[in-house]
Amino acid sequence: MRICRSLFPFPCVAFRSKVSAPRLAPLAHSTSAAASLREAFQLSWPITLSLLLHAGYRVNDQFWIADLGADAQAAMGLTTFLLILNFAFISIFTS
């Protein structure tokens, strides 16, 4: 047992365990910028497509309710905001 320094006003105590953690093999990552960019695109295209489809739905909805008046458009804008807020809460609480 040893006393270690911390940012808190009280000392932290670190215990040495006799059981060592298993060593994992290092992941094979490419170090080139092109490979990093490719990997970023592979990870980001589904959410980009989803956001584009949602934007398309909002434009389509606004087009079809344009003749119903300002109150209908305001209600559509409010429900769209609530839908986006709902998606944000789902993504925050499920991650």
Protein backbone atom coordinates (compact mmCIF):
# COMPACT_ATOMS: atom_id res chain seq x y z
CA MET A 1 0.00 0.00 0.00
CA ARG A 2 1.22 3.47 -0.82
CA ILE A 3 -0.11 6.97 -0.40
CA CYS A 4 -0.40 8.95 -3.63
CA ARG A 5 -0.89 12.65 -4.20
CA SER A 6 -4.12 13.87 -5.70
CA LEU A 7 -5.87 17.13 -6.51
CA PHE A 8 -8.33 16.54 -3.68
CA PRO A 9 -7.60 17.73 -0.13
CA PHE A 10 -7.47 14.14 1.15
CA PRO A 11 -4.83 11.55 0.25
CA CYS A 12 -5.78 8.69 -2.00
CA VAL A 13 -4.69 5.19 -1.16
CA ALA A 14 -3.57 2.89 -3.96
CA PHE A 15 -3.41 -0.86 -3.34
CA ARG A 16 -1.22 -3.12 -5.41
CA SER A 17 -3.04 -6.20 -6.53
CA LYS A 18 -1.31 -9.54 -6.97
CA VAL A 19 -3.54 -10.28 -9.96
CA SER A 20 -2.33 -8.60 -13.13
CA ALA A 21 -4.64 -7.47 -15.89
CA PRO A 22 -4.49 -9.46 -19.11
CA ARG A 23 -2.40 -7.85 -21.81
CA LEU A 24 -4.20 -7.14 -25.04
CA ALA A 25 -2.58 -7.17 -28.44
CA PRO A 26 -2.18 -3.67 -29.89
CA LEU A 27 -4.74 -2.72 -32.48
CA ALA A 28 -3.51 -2.44 -36.04
CA HIS A 29 -4.15 1.16 -36.95
CA SER A 30 -2.98 2.86 -40.06
CA THR A 31 -1.10 6.06 -39.44
CA SER A 32 -1.68 7.75 -42.78
CA ALA A 33 -3.96 10.75 -43.07
CA ALA A 34 -5.87 9.21 -45.98
CA ALA A 35 -6.68 6.10 -43.95
CA SER A 36 -7.84 8.26 -41.03
CA LEU A 37 -10.06 10.31 -43.32
CA ARG A 38 -11.48 7.14 -44.88
CA GLU A 39 -12.23 5.75 -41.44
CA ALA A 40 -13.96 8.99 -40.42
CA PHE A 41 -16.16 8.88 -43.51
CA GLN A 42 -17.03 5.24 -42.86
CA LEU A 43 -18.16 6.15 -39.37
CA SER A 44 -20.02 9.33 -40.31
CA TRP A 45 -21.99 8.49 -43.45
CA PRO A 46 -24.99 6.84 -41.69
CA ILE A 47 -25.70 9.84 -39.47
CA THR A 48 -25.15 12.23 -42.36
CA LEU A 49 -27.66 10.32 -44.48
CA SER A 50 -30.12 10.29 -41.57
CA LEU A 51 -29.84 14.05 -41.07
CA LEU A 52 -30.32 14.69 -44.79
CA LEU A 53 -33.43 12.51 -44.85
CA HIS A 54 -34.87 14.30 -41.83
CA ALA A 55 -34.21 17.67 -43.48
CA GLY A 56 -35.95 16.40 -46.62
CA TYR A 57 -38.97 15.32 -44.59
CA ARG A 58 -39.18 18.76 -42.96
CA VAL A 59 -39.03 20.54 -46.31
CA ASN A 60 -41.68 18.20 -47.71
CA ASP A 61 -43.96 18.74 -44.72
CA GLN A 62 -43.60 22.52 -44.95
CA PHE A 63 -44.43 22.37 -48.67
CA TRP A 64 -47.67 20.46 -48.11
CA ILE A 65 -48.91 22.57 -45.20
CA ALA A 66 -47.96 25.96 -46.69
CA ASP A 67 -51.54 26.60 -47.86
CA LEU A 68 -53.00 25.91 -44.40
CA GLY A 69 -51.72 29.16 -42.92
CA ALA A 70 -49.22 30.52 -40.46
CA ASP A 71 -50.66 28.62 -37.47
CA ALA A 72 -50.16 25.26 -39.20
CA GLN A 73 -46.60 26.16 -40.15
CA ALA A 74 -45.86 27.28 -36.59
CA ALA A 75 -47.24 24.00 -35.24
CA MET A 76 -45.10 22.09 -37.72
CA GLY A 77 -42.01 24.03 -36.65
CA LEU A 78 -42.76 23.39 -32.97
CA THR A 79 -43.25 19.65 -33.46
CA THR A 80 -40.07 19.47 -35.55
CA PHE A 81 -38.14 21.12 -32.70
CA LEU A 82 -39.66 18.67 -30.21
CA LEU A 83 -38.73 15.77 -32.49
CA ILE A 84 -35.11 16.94 -32.68
CA LEU A 85 -35.06 17.43 -28.90
CA ASN A 86 -36.41 13.89 -28.47
CA PHE A 87 -33.63 12.52 -30.70
CA ALA A 88 -31.07 14.44 -28.64
CA PHE A 89 -32.36 12.99 -25.35
CA ILE A 90 -32.40 9.49 -26.80
CA SER A 91 -28.83 9.80 -28.04
CA ILE A 92 -27.63 11.28 -24.73
CA PHE A 93 -29.25 8.68 -22.50
CA THR A 94 -28.44 5.63 -24.61
CA SER A 95 -24.74 6.32 -25.02
